[in-house]
N, C-alpha and C. Protein backbone atom coordinates (compact mmCIF):
# COMPACT_ATOMS: atom_id res chain seq x y z
N UNK A 1 -29.27 28.41 -64.56
CA UNK A 1 -28.37 28.87 -63.54
C UNK A 1 -27.72 27.66 -62.88
N UNK A 2 -26.43 27.67 -62.85
CA UNK A 2 -25.69 26.51 -62.32
C UNK A 2 -25.37 26.74 -60.86
N UNK A 3 -25.50 25.62 -60.14
CA UNK A 3 -25.16 25.67 -58.71
C UNK A 3 -23.68 25.37 -58.53
N UNK A 4 -22.98 26.28 -57.91
CA UNK A 4 -21.56 26.06 -57.65
C UNK A 4 -21.39 25.71 -56.17
N UNK A 5 -20.54 24.74 -55.96
CA UNK A 5 -20.30 24.29 -54.59
C UNK A 5 -18.83 24.49 -54.26
N UNK A 6 -18.59 25.26 -53.24
CA UNK A 6 -17.22 25.52 -52.81
C UNK A 6 -16.97 24.72 -51.53
N UNK A 7 -15.98 23.82 -51.59
CA UNK A 7 -15.65 23.02 -50.41
C UNK A 7 -15.01 23.89 -49.35
N UNK A 8 -15.58 23.81 -48.18
CA UNK A 8 -14.99 24.54 -47.07
C UNK A 8 -13.82 23.74 -46.52
N UNK A 9 -12.77 24.44 -46.11
CA UNK A 9 -11.63 23.72 -45.56
C UNK A 9 -12.02 22.98 -44.29
N UNK A 10 -11.38 21.82 -44.11
CA UNK A 10 -11.66 21.04 -42.91
C UNK A 10 -11.29 21.83 -41.67
N UNK A 11 -12.21 21.80 -40.74
CA UNK A 11 -11.95 22.50 -39.48
C UNK A 11 -11.13 21.59 -38.56
N UNK A 12 -10.12 22.15 -37.92
CA UNK A 12 -9.34 21.32 -37.00
C UNK A 12 -10.20 20.89 -35.83
N UNK A 13 -9.93 19.74 -35.28
CA UNK A 13 -10.73 19.30 -34.13
C UNK A 13 -10.64 20.29 -32.99
N UNK A 14 -11.75 20.41 -32.27
CA UNK A 14 -11.81 21.40 -31.20
C UNK A 14 -10.76 21.12 -30.13
N UNK A 15 -10.59 19.85 -29.81
CA UNK A 15 -9.64 19.48 -28.76
C UNK A 15 -8.72 18.41 -29.32
N UNK A 16 -7.52 18.80 -29.74
CA UNK A 16 -6.57 17.80 -30.21
C UNK A 16 -5.83 17.22 -29.01
N UNK A 17 -4.97 16.27 -29.29
CA UNK A 17 -4.28 15.56 -28.21
C UNK A 17 -3.45 16.52 -27.36
N UNK A 18 -2.76 17.45 -28.02
CA UNK A 18 -1.93 18.40 -27.29
C UNK A 18 -2.74 19.23 -26.31
N UNK A 19 -3.92 19.68 -26.75
CA UNK A 19 -4.78 20.47 -25.87
C UNK A 19 -5.27 19.65 -24.68
N UNK A 20 -5.62 18.38 -24.95
CA UNK A 20 -6.11 17.53 -23.86
C UNK A 20 -5.01 17.28 -22.83
N UNK A 21 -3.79 17.06 -23.30
CA UNK A 21 -2.67 16.85 -22.37
C UNK A 21 -2.42 18.11 -21.55
N UNK A 22 -2.45 19.27 -22.21
CA UNK A 22 -2.24 20.53 -21.50
C UNK A 22 -3.34 20.76 -20.47
N UNK A 23 -4.59 20.44 -20.85
CA UNK A 23 -5.70 20.60 -19.90
C UNK A 23 -5.52 19.67 -18.70
N UNK A 24 -5.02 18.45 -18.97
CA UNK A 24 -4.82 17.50 -17.88
C UNK A 24 -3.77 18.00 -16.90
N UNK A 25 -2.66 18.54 -17.43
CA UNK A 25 -1.62 19.09 -16.56
C UNK A 25 -2.12 20.31 -15.78
N UNK A 26 -2.93 21.12 -16.44
CA UNK A 26 -3.50 22.29 -15.75
C UNK A 26 -4.41 21.84 -14.60
N UNK A 27 -5.18 20.79 -14.85
CA UNK A 27 -6.09 20.28 -13.82
C UNK A 27 -5.29 19.71 -12.65
N UNK A 28 -4.21 18.97 -12.95
CA UNK A 28 -3.36 18.43 -11.88
C UNK A 28 -2.78 19.58 -11.06
N UNK A 29 -2.30 20.62 -11.75
CA UNK A 29 -1.73 21.76 -11.04
C UNK A 29 -2.78 22.44 -10.16
N UNK A 30 -4.01 22.55 -10.68
CA UNK A 30 -5.09 23.15 -9.87
C UNK A 30 -5.38 22.32 -8.63
N UNK A 31 -5.42 21.00 -8.79
CA UNK A 31 -5.70 20.13 -7.65
C UNK A 31 -4.59 20.21 -6.60
N UNK A 32 -3.34 20.27 -7.06
CA UNK A 32 -2.22 20.36 -6.12
C UNK A 32 -2.25 21.68 -5.35
N UNK A 33 -2.60 22.76 -6.06
CA UNK A 33 -2.71 24.05 -5.39
C UNK A 33 -3.87 24.06 -4.41
N UNK A 34 -5.00 23.47 -4.84
CA UNK A 34 -6.20 23.47 -4.01
C UNK A 34 -5.97 22.73 -2.69
N UNK A 35 -5.19 21.64 -2.77
CA UNK A 35 -4.93 20.83 -1.57
C UNK A 35 -3.58 21.16 -0.93
N UNK A 36 -2.88 22.14 -1.49
CA UNK A 36 -1.57 22.55 -0.97
C UNK A 36 -0.62 21.35 -0.85
N UNK A 37 -0.49 20.62 -1.94
CA UNK A 37 0.26 19.36 -1.90
C UNK A 37 1.52 19.36 -2.76
N UNK A 38 1.87 20.49 -3.36
CA UNK A 38 3.05 20.50 -4.24
C UNK A 38 4.31 20.12 -3.47
N UNK A 39 4.50 20.71 -2.31
CA UNK A 39 5.68 20.39 -1.52
C UNK A 39 5.71 18.93 -1.10
N UNK A 40 4.55 18.40 -0.75
CA UNK A 40 4.46 16.99 -0.35
C UNK A 40 4.87 16.08 -1.49
N UNK A 41 4.37 16.35 -2.70
CA UNK A 41 4.70 15.51 -3.86
C UNK A 41 6.19 15.58 -4.15
N UNK A 42 6.79 16.78 -4.06
CA UNK A 42 8.23 16.89 -4.30
C UNK A 42 9.02 16.09 -3.27
N UNK A 43 8.59 16.14 -2.01
CA UNK A 43 9.30 15.39 -0.97
C UNK A 43 9.19 13.89 -1.20
N UNK A 44 8.00 13.43 -1.57
CA UNK A 44 7.83 12.01 -1.84
C UNK A 44 8.75 11.56 -2.98
N UNK A 45 8.79 12.36 -4.04
CA UNK A 45 9.59 11.98 -5.20
C UNK A 45 11.08 11.92 -4.84
N UNK A 46 11.59 12.99 -4.22
CA UNK A 46 13.02 13.05 -3.91
C UNK A 46 13.41 11.98 -2.91
N UNK A 47 12.63 11.81 -1.85
CA UNK A 47 12.96 10.86 -0.81
C UNK A 47 13.00 9.43 -1.34
N UNK A 48 12.01 9.07 -2.15
CA UNK A 48 11.94 7.70 -2.63
C UNK A 48 12.85 7.44 -3.82
N UNK A 49 13.14 8.46 -4.61
CA UNK A 49 14.17 8.29 -5.64
C UNK A 49 15.52 8.04 -4.98
N UNK A 50 15.80 8.76 -3.90
CA UNK A 50 17.04 8.53 -3.14
C UNK A 50 17.09 7.10 -2.61
N UNK A 51 15.98 6.63 -2.03
CA UNK A 51 15.93 5.26 -1.52
C UNK A 51 16.16 4.24 -2.63
N UNK A 52 15.53 4.47 -3.78
CA UNK A 52 15.68 3.54 -4.90
C UNK A 52 17.10 3.47 -5.41
N UNK A 53 17.73 4.63 -5.53
CA UNK A 53 19.11 4.67 -6.02
C UNK A 53 20.06 4.01 -5.03
N UNK A 54 19.88 4.30 -3.74
CA UNK A 54 20.75 3.72 -2.72
C UNK A 54 20.56 2.21 -2.63
N UNK A 55 19.31 1.76 -2.72
CA UNK A 55 19.06 0.32 -2.67
C UNK A 55 19.68 -0.39 -3.85
N UNK A 56 19.54 0.19 -5.05
CA UNK A 56 20.14 -0.41 -6.24
C UNK A 56 21.65 -0.42 -6.15
N UNK A 57 22.21 0.65 -5.59
CA UNK A 57 23.66 0.70 -5.39
C UNK A 57 24.11 -0.44 -4.47
N UNK A 58 23.35 -0.67 -3.40
CA UNK A 58 23.67 -1.76 -2.48
C UNK A 58 23.55 -3.12 -3.15
N UNK A 59 22.55 -3.30 -3.98
CA UNK A 59 22.38 -4.57 -4.68
C UNK A 59 23.54 -4.83 -5.63
N UNK A 60 23.95 -3.79 -6.36
CA UNK A 60 25.05 -3.95 -7.32
C UNK A 60 26.34 -4.32 -6.58
N UNK A 61 26.63 -3.59 -5.52
CA UNK A 61 27.86 -3.87 -4.77
C UNK A 61 27.78 -5.24 -4.10
N UNK A 62 26.63 -5.58 -3.56
CA UNK A 62 26.46 -6.90 -2.95
C UNK A 62 26.64 -8.03 -3.95
N UNK A 63 26.12 -7.84 -5.15
CA UNK A 63 26.28 -8.86 -6.20
C UNK A 63 27.73 -9.01 -6.59
N UNK A 64 28.44 -7.88 -6.64
CA UNK A 64 29.87 -7.93 -6.98
C UNK A 64 30.66 -8.67 -5.90
N UNK A 65 30.37 -8.35 -4.64
CA UNK A 65 31.08 -9.01 -3.54
C UNK A 65 30.78 -10.50 -3.52
N UNK A 66 29.52 -10.86 -3.84
CA UNK A 66 29.12 -12.28 -3.85
C UNK A 66 29.69 -13.03 -5.04
N UNK A 67 30.31 -12.33 -5.96
CA UNK A 67 30.91 -12.98 -7.12
C UNK A 67 29.92 -13.43 -8.18
N UNK A 68 28.76 -12.78 -8.23
CA UNK A 68 27.76 -13.13 -9.25
C UNK A 68 28.23 -12.61 -10.60
N UNK A 69 28.37 -13.49 -11.56
CA UNK A 69 28.85 -13.08 -12.88
C UNK A 69 27.82 -13.29 -13.98
N UNK A 70 26.62 -13.66 -13.60
CA UNK A 70 25.53 -13.79 -14.56
C UNK A 70 24.74 -12.48 -14.58
N UNK A 71 24.82 -11.71 -15.66
CA UNK A 71 24.14 -10.40 -15.68
C UNK A 71 22.63 -10.51 -15.48
N UNK A 72 22.04 -11.59 -15.97
CA UNK A 72 20.59 -11.75 -15.81
C UNK A 72 20.21 -11.92 -14.34
N UNK A 73 21.06 -12.58 -13.58
CA UNK A 73 20.78 -12.75 -12.15
C UNK A 73 20.79 -11.41 -11.44
N UNK A 74 21.77 -10.56 -11.77
CA UNK A 74 21.83 -9.24 -11.16
C UNK A 74 20.61 -8.42 -11.56
N UNK A 75 20.24 -8.48 -12.82
CA UNK A 75 19.08 -7.72 -13.29
C UNK A 75 17.80 -8.18 -12.61
N UNK A 76 17.67 -9.49 -12.40
CA UNK A 76 16.46 -10.00 -11.75
C UNK A 76 16.33 -9.44 -10.34
N UNK A 77 17.45 -9.41 -9.61
CA UNK A 77 17.41 -8.87 -8.24
C UNK A 77 17.07 -7.38 -8.27
N UNK A 78 17.68 -6.64 -9.20
CA UNK A 78 17.41 -5.21 -9.30
C UNK A 78 15.94 -4.94 -9.64
N UNK A 79 15.40 -5.70 -10.59
CA UNK A 79 14.01 -5.49 -11.01
C UNK A 79 13.06 -5.87 -9.88
N UNK A 80 13.30 -7.02 -9.25
CA UNK A 80 12.43 -7.45 -8.16
C UNK A 80 12.48 -6.45 -7.00
N UNK A 81 13.68 -5.95 -6.71
CA UNK A 81 13.78 -4.95 -5.66
C UNK A 81 13.03 -3.68 -6.01
N UNK A 82 13.16 -3.23 -7.27
CA UNK A 82 12.45 -2.04 -7.72
C UNK A 82 10.95 -2.21 -7.68
N UNK A 83 10.46 -3.37 -8.11
CA UNK A 83 9.02 -3.64 -8.10
C UNK A 83 8.50 -3.70 -6.66
N UNK A 84 9.28 -4.35 -5.78
CA UNK A 84 8.87 -4.43 -4.38
C UNK A 84 8.76 -3.05 -3.75
N UNK A 85 9.75 -2.18 -4.03
CA UNK A 85 9.69 -0.82 -3.50
C UNK A 85 8.52 -0.05 -4.09
N UNK A 86 8.23 -0.29 -5.37
CA UNK A 86 7.14 0.41 -6.03
C UNK A 86 5.79 0.04 -5.40
N UNK A 87 5.56 -1.25 -5.21
CA UNK A 87 4.29 -1.70 -4.62
C UNK A 87 4.18 -1.24 -3.17
N UNK A 88 5.26 -1.40 -2.41
CA UNK A 88 5.26 -0.98 -1.02
C UNK A 88 5.02 0.52 -0.89
N UNK A 89 5.71 1.31 -1.73
CA UNK A 89 5.54 2.75 -1.68
C UNK A 89 4.14 3.18 -2.04
N UNK A 90 3.57 2.56 -3.07
CA UNK A 90 2.22 2.93 -3.49
C UNK A 90 1.20 2.62 -2.40
N UNK A 91 1.22 1.38 -1.90
CA UNK A 91 0.22 0.97 -0.93
C UNK A 91 0.37 1.75 0.38
N UNK A 92 1.62 1.89 0.85
CA UNK A 92 1.83 2.60 2.11
C UNK A 92 1.39 4.05 2.03
N UNK A 93 1.79 4.72 0.95
CA UNK A 93 1.43 6.13 0.81
C UNK A 93 -0.07 6.30 0.62
N UNK A 94 -0.69 5.41 -0.14
CA UNK A 94 -2.14 5.54 -0.37
C UNK A 94 -2.90 5.42 0.95
N UNK A 95 -2.52 4.44 1.77
CA UNK A 95 -3.23 4.26 3.03
C UNK A 95 -2.98 5.43 3.98
N UNK A 96 -1.73 5.88 4.05
CA UNK A 96 -1.41 6.99 4.95
C UNK A 96 -2.10 8.28 4.50
N UNK A 97 -2.00 8.58 3.19
CA UNK A 97 -2.61 9.81 2.69
C UNK A 97 -4.13 9.78 2.80
N UNK A 98 -4.74 8.61 2.56
CA UNK A 98 -6.19 8.50 2.70
C UNK A 98 -6.62 8.83 4.13
N UNK A 99 -5.89 8.25 5.09
CA UNK A 99 -6.24 8.50 6.49
C UNK A 99 -6.01 9.96 6.88
N UNK A 100 -4.88 10.52 6.45
CA UNK A 100 -4.56 11.90 6.82
C UNK A 100 -5.55 12.89 6.21
N UNK A 101 -5.94 12.65 4.96
CA UNK A 101 -6.84 13.60 4.29
C UNK A 101 -8.27 13.47 4.82
N UNK A 102 -8.67 12.26 5.19
CA UNK A 102 -9.98 12.13 5.84
C UNK A 102 -9.99 12.87 7.18
N UNK A 103 -8.88 12.75 7.91
CA UNK A 103 -8.78 13.45 9.18
C UNK A 103 -8.84 14.97 8.97
N UNK A 104 -8.14 15.46 7.95
CA UNK A 104 -8.15 16.90 7.68
C UNK A 104 -9.55 17.39 7.34
N UNK A 105 -10.27 16.61 6.50
CA UNK A 105 -11.64 17.00 6.15
C UNK A 105 -12.54 17.00 7.37
N UNK A 106 -12.39 16.00 8.23
CA UNK A 106 -13.21 15.95 9.45
C UNK A 106 -12.93 17.14 10.36
N UNK A 107 -11.65 17.52 10.46
CA UNK A 107 -11.31 18.69 11.29
C UNK A 107 -11.91 19.97 10.72
N UNK A 108 -11.91 20.08 9.38
CA UNK A 108 -12.52 21.25 8.75
C UNK A 108 -14.02 21.28 8.99
N UNK A 109 -14.67 20.11 8.96
CA UNK A 109 -16.11 20.06 9.24
C UNK A 109 -16.41 20.49 10.67
N UNK A 110 -15.57 20.03 11.60
CA UNK A 110 -15.79 20.39 13.00
C UNK A 110 -15.64 21.90 13.22
N UNK A 111 -14.78 22.53 12.43
CA UNK A 111 -14.59 23.98 12.57
C UNK A 111 -15.63 24.77 11.77
N UNK A 112 -16.50 24.04 11.05
CA UNK A 112 -17.54 24.71 10.29
C UNK A 112 -17.06 25.35 9.01
N UNK A 113 -15.97 24.82 8.42
CA UNK A 113 -15.46 25.35 7.17
C UNK A 113 -16.50 25.14 6.07
N UNK A 114 -16.94 26.20 5.41
CA UNK A 114 -18.04 26.07 4.44
C UNK A 114 -17.68 25.29 3.17
N UNK A 115 -16.39 25.28 2.79
CA UNK A 115 -16.02 24.65 1.52
C UNK A 115 -15.66 23.18 1.66
N UNK A 116 -15.80 22.63 2.87
CA UNK A 116 -15.28 21.28 3.09
C UNK A 116 -16.01 20.23 2.24
N UNK A 117 -17.28 20.45 1.94
CA UNK A 117 -18.04 19.50 1.14
C UNK A 117 -18.18 19.94 -0.31
N UNK A 118 -17.35 20.87 -0.74
CA UNK A 118 -17.34 21.29 -2.13
C UNK A 118 -16.93 20.11 -3.01
N UNK A 119 -17.75 19.72 -4.01
CA UNK A 119 -17.42 18.55 -4.84
C UNK A 119 -16.04 18.66 -5.51
N UNK A 120 -15.67 19.86 -5.92
CA UNK A 120 -14.37 20.02 -6.57
C UNK A 120 -13.24 19.77 -5.58
N UNK A 121 -13.39 20.23 -4.34
CA UNK A 121 -12.38 19.99 -3.32
C UNK A 121 -12.28 18.51 -2.99
N UNK A 122 -13.42 17.83 -2.93
CA UNK A 122 -13.41 16.40 -2.65
C UNK A 122 -12.75 15.62 -3.78
N UNK A 123 -13.03 16.04 -5.02
CA UNK A 123 -12.36 15.38 -6.17
C UNK A 123 -10.86 15.62 -6.11
N UNK A 124 -10.46 16.85 -5.79
CA UNK A 124 -9.04 17.16 -5.68
C UNK A 124 -8.37 16.34 -4.59
N UNK A 125 -9.05 16.16 -3.47
CA UNK A 125 -8.50 15.38 -2.37
C UNK A 125 -8.30 13.93 -2.77
N UNK A 126 -9.30 13.35 -3.42
CA UNK A 126 -9.18 11.96 -3.87
C UNK A 126 -8.07 11.82 -4.90
N UNK A 127 -7.99 12.76 -5.82
CA UNK A 127 -6.97 12.68 -6.86
C UNK A 127 -5.57 12.76 -6.26
N UNK A 128 -5.36 13.72 -5.37
CA UNK A 128 -4.02 13.92 -4.80
C UNK A 128 -3.60 12.70 -3.98
N UNK A 129 -4.55 12.05 -3.33
CA UNK A 129 -4.23 10.83 -2.58
C UNK A 129 -3.64 9.77 -3.50
N UNK A 130 -4.29 9.55 -4.65
CA UNK A 130 -3.80 8.56 -5.60
C UNK A 130 -2.51 9.04 -6.27
N UNK A 131 -2.47 10.32 -6.61
CA UNK A 131 -1.30 10.87 -7.30
C UNK A 131 -0.05 10.77 -6.43
N UNK A 132 -0.20 11.08 -5.15
CA UNK A 132 0.93 10.98 -4.22
C UNK A 132 1.41 9.53 -4.13
N UNK A 133 0.48 8.59 -4.11
CA UNK A 133 0.85 7.18 -4.04
C UNK A 133 1.58 6.74 -5.30
N UNK A 134 1.13 7.22 -6.46
CA UNK A 134 1.79 6.88 -7.72
C UNK A 134 3.22 7.44 -7.75
N UNK A 135 3.38 8.68 -7.34
CA UNK A 135 4.71 9.30 -7.30
C UNK A 135 5.61 8.55 -6.34
N UNK A 136 5.09 8.26 -5.16
CA UNK A 136 5.88 7.55 -4.14
C UNK A 136 6.30 6.18 -4.64
N UNK A 137 5.40 5.48 -5.34
CA UNK A 137 5.72 4.15 -5.81
C UNK A 137 6.63 4.13 -7.02
N UNK A 138 6.45 5.07 -7.92
CA UNK A 138 7.23 5.05 -9.16
C UNK A 138 8.64 5.60 -8.99
N UNK A 139 8.85 6.52 -8.04
CA UNK A 139 10.16 7.17 -7.89
C UNK A 139 11.29 6.18 -7.64
N UNK A 140 11.18 5.24 -6.67
CA UNK A 140 12.30 4.32 -6.46
C UNK A 140 12.51 3.37 -7.63
N UNK A 141 11.43 2.98 -8.29
CA UNK A 141 11.58 2.08 -9.44
C UNK A 141 12.30 2.79 -10.58
N UNK A 142 11.90 4.03 -10.87
CA UNK A 142 12.54 4.78 -11.95
C UNK A 142 14.01 5.05 -11.63
N UNK A 143 14.30 5.32 -10.35
CA UNK A 143 15.68 5.60 -9.97
C UNK A 143 16.57 4.38 -10.08
N UNK A 144 15.98 3.19 -10.02
CA UNK A 144 16.77 1.96 -10.12
C UNK A 144 17.04 1.54 -11.56
N UNK A 145 16.31 2.09 -12.51
CA UNK A 145 16.43 1.65 -13.90
C UNK A 145 17.82 1.86 -14.51
N UNK A 146 18.51 3.00 -14.25
CA UNK A 146 19.84 3.16 -14.86
C UNK A 146 20.82 2.05 -14.50
N UNK A 147 20.65 1.42 -13.34
CA UNK A 147 21.58 0.37 -12.95
C UNK A 147 21.44 -0.88 -13.81
N UNK A 148 20.34 -1.00 -14.53
CA UNK A 148 20.13 -2.17 -15.38
C UNK A 148 20.92 -2.10 -16.68
N UNK A 149 21.14 -0.90 -17.19
CA UNK A 149 21.73 -0.73 -18.52
C UNK A 149 23.08 -1.42 -18.67
N UNK A 150 24.03 -1.29 -17.73
CA UNK A 150 25.32 -1.95 -17.93
C UNK A 150 25.21 -3.47 -18.10
N UNK A 151 24.26 -4.08 -17.41
CA UNK A 151 24.13 -5.53 -17.50
C UNK A 151 23.42 -5.95 -18.79
N UNK A 152 22.59 -5.06 -19.33
CA UNK A 152 22.03 -5.29 -20.67
C UNK A 152 23.17 -5.28 -21.69
N UNK A 153 24.12 -4.36 -21.52
CA UNK A 153 25.28 -4.30 -22.43
C UNK A 153 26.12 -5.57 -22.34
N UNK A 154 26.19 -6.16 -21.14
CA UNK A 154 26.93 -7.43 -21.00
C UNK A 154 26.23 -8.53 -21.79
N UNK A 155 24.92 -8.59 -21.69
CA UNK A 155 24.15 -9.63 -22.38
C UNK A 155 24.39 -9.57 -23.88
N UNK A 156 24.48 -8.37 -24.43
CA UNK A 156 24.69 -8.21 -25.87
C UNK A 156 26.17 -8.15 -26.25
N UNK A 157 27.04 -8.38 -25.29
CA UNK A 157 28.46 -8.51 -25.59
C UNK A 157 29.22 -7.23 -25.78
N UNK A 158 28.69 -6.10 -25.34
CA UNK A 158 29.39 -4.83 -25.52
C UNK A 158 30.46 -4.60 -24.45
N UNK A 159 30.21 -5.08 -23.24
CA UNK A 159 31.17 -4.91 -22.15
C UNK A 159 31.25 -6.22 -21.39
N UNK A 160 32.30 -6.35 -20.57
CA UNK A 160 32.40 -7.54 -19.73
C UNK A 160 31.83 -7.25 -18.35
N UNK A 161 31.55 -8.29 -17.59
CA UNK A 161 30.75 -8.17 -16.38
C UNK A 161 31.40 -7.28 -15.32
N UNK A 162 32.73 -7.36 -15.16
CA UNK A 162 33.38 -6.56 -14.12
C UNK A 162 33.30 -5.06 -14.44
N UNK A 163 33.43 -4.73 -15.70
CA UNK A 163 33.28 -3.33 -16.09
C UNK A 163 31.82 -2.89 -15.88
N UNK A 164 30.87 -3.80 -16.10
CA UNK A 164 29.45 -3.47 -15.91
C UNK A 164 29.16 -3.11 -14.47
N UNK A 165 29.78 -3.81 -13.52
CA UNK A 165 29.57 -3.47 -12.11
C UNK A 165 30.06 -2.04 -11.82
N UNK A 166 31.25 -1.72 -12.32
CA UNK A 166 31.79 -0.37 -12.10
C UNK A 166 30.91 0.68 -12.77
N UNK A 167 30.43 0.37 -13.97
CA UNK A 167 29.58 1.32 -14.69
C UNK A 167 28.24 1.50 -13.97
N UNK A 168 27.69 0.42 -13.42
CA UNK A 168 26.42 0.51 -12.70
C UNK A 168 26.58 1.38 -11.44
N UNK A 169 27.70 1.22 -10.74
CA UNK A 169 27.95 2.06 -9.57
C UNK A 169 28.03 3.53 -9.99
N UNK A 170 28.74 3.79 -11.09
CA UNK A 170 28.87 5.16 -11.57
C UNK A 170 27.50 5.74 -11.95
N UNK A 171 26.66 4.93 -12.55
CA UNK A 171 25.34 5.42 -12.97
C UNK A 171 24.45 5.69 -11.76
N UNK A 172 24.59 4.88 -10.72
CA UNK A 172 23.81 5.14 -9.51
C UNK A 172 24.29 6.41 -8.80
N UNK A 173 25.59 6.62 -8.80
CA UNK A 173 26.12 7.86 -8.22
C UNK A 173 25.65 9.07 -9.03
N UNK A 174 25.57 8.91 -10.36
CA UNK A 174 25.06 9.99 -11.20
C UNK A 174 23.58 10.25 -10.91
N UNK A 175 22.83 9.17 -10.67
CA UNK A 175 21.41 9.33 -10.32
C UNK A 175 21.27 10.06 -8.99
N UNK A 176 22.10 9.71 -8.02
CA UNK A 176 22.09 10.41 -6.74
C UNK A 176 22.43 11.89 -6.91
N UNK A 177 23.37 12.17 -7.80
CA UNK A 177 23.72 13.57 -8.06
C UNK A 177 22.50 14.33 -8.60
N UNK A 178 21.76 13.72 -9.52
CA UNK A 178 20.59 14.39 -10.08
C UNK A 178 19.50 14.60 -9.03
N UNK A 179 19.33 13.62 -8.14
CA UNK A 179 18.36 13.80 -7.05
C UNK A 179 18.79 14.96 -6.16
N UNK A 180 20.08 15.03 -5.84
CA UNK A 180 20.59 16.13 -5.03
C UNK A 180 20.43 17.47 -5.72
N UNK A 181 20.68 17.50 -7.02
CA UNK A 181 20.51 18.75 -7.77
C UNK A 181 19.04 19.17 -7.78
N UNK A 182 18.15 18.21 -7.86
CA UNK A 182 16.72 18.49 -7.80
C UNK A 182 16.35 19.13 -6.46
N UNK A 183 16.90 18.57 -5.38
CA UNK A 183 16.66 19.16 -4.07
C UNK A 183 17.27 20.55 -3.96
N UNK A 184 18.45 20.74 -4.58
CA UNK A 184 19.07 22.05 -4.58
C UNK A 184 18.22 23.08 -5.30
N UNK A 185 17.59 22.66 -6.37
CA UNK A 185 16.72 23.59 -7.11
C UNK A 185 15.50 23.95 -6.27
N UNK A 186 14.95 22.96 -5.56
CA UNK A 186 13.78 23.23 -4.73
C UNK A 186 14.12 24.23 -3.62
N UNK A 187 15.29 24.00 -2.99
CA UNK A 187 15.67 24.84 -1.86
C UNK A 187 16.41 26.11 -2.28
N UNK A 188 16.57 26.29 -3.59
CA UNK A 188 17.24 27.48 -4.13
C UNK A 188 18.67 27.60 -3.60
N UNK A 189 19.37 26.45 -3.56
CA UNK A 189 20.78 26.43 -3.19
C UNK A 189 21.60 25.96 -4.38
N UNK A 190 22.91 25.91 -4.21
CA UNK A 190 23.80 25.52 -5.29
C UNK A 190 23.51 24.09 -5.74
N UNK A 191 23.20 23.91 -7.02
CA UNK A 191 22.81 22.59 -7.53
C UNK A 191 23.97 21.61 -7.45
N UNK A 192 25.17 22.06 -7.82
CA UNK A 192 26.32 21.17 -7.83
C UNK A 192 26.65 20.72 -6.41
N UNK A 193 26.66 21.67 -5.47
CA UNK A 193 26.97 21.33 -4.09
C UNK A 193 25.95 20.35 -3.53
N UNK A 194 24.67 20.61 -3.79
CA UNK A 194 23.62 19.73 -3.31
C UNK A 194 23.74 18.34 -3.93
N UNK A 195 24.06 18.28 -5.23
CA UNK A 195 24.23 16.99 -5.88
C UNK A 195 25.43 16.23 -5.35
N UNK A 196 26.52 16.94 -5.08
CA UNK A 196 27.72 16.28 -4.58
C UNK A 196 27.51 15.71 -3.18
N UNK A 197 26.67 16.34 -2.37
CA UNK A 197 26.37 15.79 -1.05
C UNK A 197 25.73 14.42 -1.18
N UNK A 198 24.84 14.27 -2.15
CA UNK A 198 24.21 12.97 -2.38
C UNK A 198 25.23 11.95 -2.87
N UNK A 199 26.12 12.38 -3.74
CA UNK A 199 27.15 11.48 -4.25
C UNK A 199 28.05 11.00 -3.11
N UNK A 200 28.41 11.91 -2.21
CA UNK A 200 29.25 11.53 -1.06
C UNK A 200 28.52 10.50 -0.20
N UNK A 201 27.22 10.70 0.01
CA UNK A 201 26.44 9.73 0.79
C UNK A 201 26.47 8.36 0.12
N UNK A 202 26.30 8.34 -1.20
CA UNK A 202 26.35 7.07 -1.92
C UNK A 202 27.72 6.43 -1.87
N UNK A 203 28.78 7.25 -1.98
CA UNK A 203 30.14 6.72 -1.94
C UNK A 203 30.44 6.13 -0.57
N UNK A 204 29.95 6.75 0.48
CA UNK A 204 30.16 6.21 1.83
C UNK A 204 29.49 4.85 1.96
N UNK A 205 28.27 4.74 1.46
CA UNK A 205 27.57 3.46 1.50
C UNK A 205 28.35 2.41 0.72
N UNK A 206 28.86 2.77 -0.45
CA UNK A 206 29.62 1.84 -1.26
C UNK A 206 30.87 1.37 -0.54
N UNK A 207 31.58 2.28 0.09
CA UNK A 207 32.82 1.92 0.80
C UNK A 207 32.52 1.02 1.99
N UNK A 208 31.46 1.35 2.74
CA UNK A 208 31.09 0.52 3.89
C UNK A 208 30.74 -0.90 3.43
N UNK A 209 29.98 -1.00 2.33
CA UNK A 209 29.60 -2.31 1.81
C UNK A 209 30.83 -3.11 1.38
N UNK A 210 31.77 -2.45 0.73
CA UNK A 210 32.98 -3.14 0.30
C UNK A 210 33.82 -3.59 1.49
N UNK A 211 33.92 -2.74 2.51
CA UNK A 211 34.69 -3.10 3.70
C UNK A 211 34.05 -4.28 4.41
N UNK A 212 32.75 -4.24 4.59
CA UNK A 212 32.06 -5.35 5.26
C UNK A 212 32.16 -6.63 4.43
N UNK A 213 32.11 -6.48 3.11
CA UNK A 213 32.21 -7.65 2.25
C UNK A 213 33.56 -8.31 2.31
N UNK A 214 34.61 -7.52 2.53
CA UNK A 214 35.94 -8.08 2.61
C UNK A 214 36.23 -8.68 3.98
């Protein structure tokens, strides 16, 4: 009697990368709901993306007024400004959120809230503190990145420096429009109108900078 061996098909891994990523997002969503922090995170992102875009717009216009024609010099200022805002935003938000959330937990303890020492709630509180700081720090840096592209094009010879300044201003205004549209979606108002309000704010800043520079 011969022994026959039938190979069983390989079983897929129980948790592939896609599942782990989905689980991570679900956990983040649970923590935000548990700590009621979704609105806070949205405000941090929108507010600091606006700051980053406006600051980069000011740097671009200031560099143009100063007559800087070395694209690398403009990029260095933009990157350093973005990194400075990122570090400042992260550290400031982390310290403020840590203090505020400790205060909230202490107030809940004083009121005798039974869930205040729940390990899952404490983990959620610690996570949201760091997550809020990361969002606050990364938003202005990410918003400043589009302003770098025109000057990269100058370095590789695709455009000349004066056109790069105009293109960088246009890209910052487009970034402001997207931030405004994001706020419009949150508030359930007209996205275009909300985006245009941000663009108008940026255009006013640009005009004031040009007038003062002249």
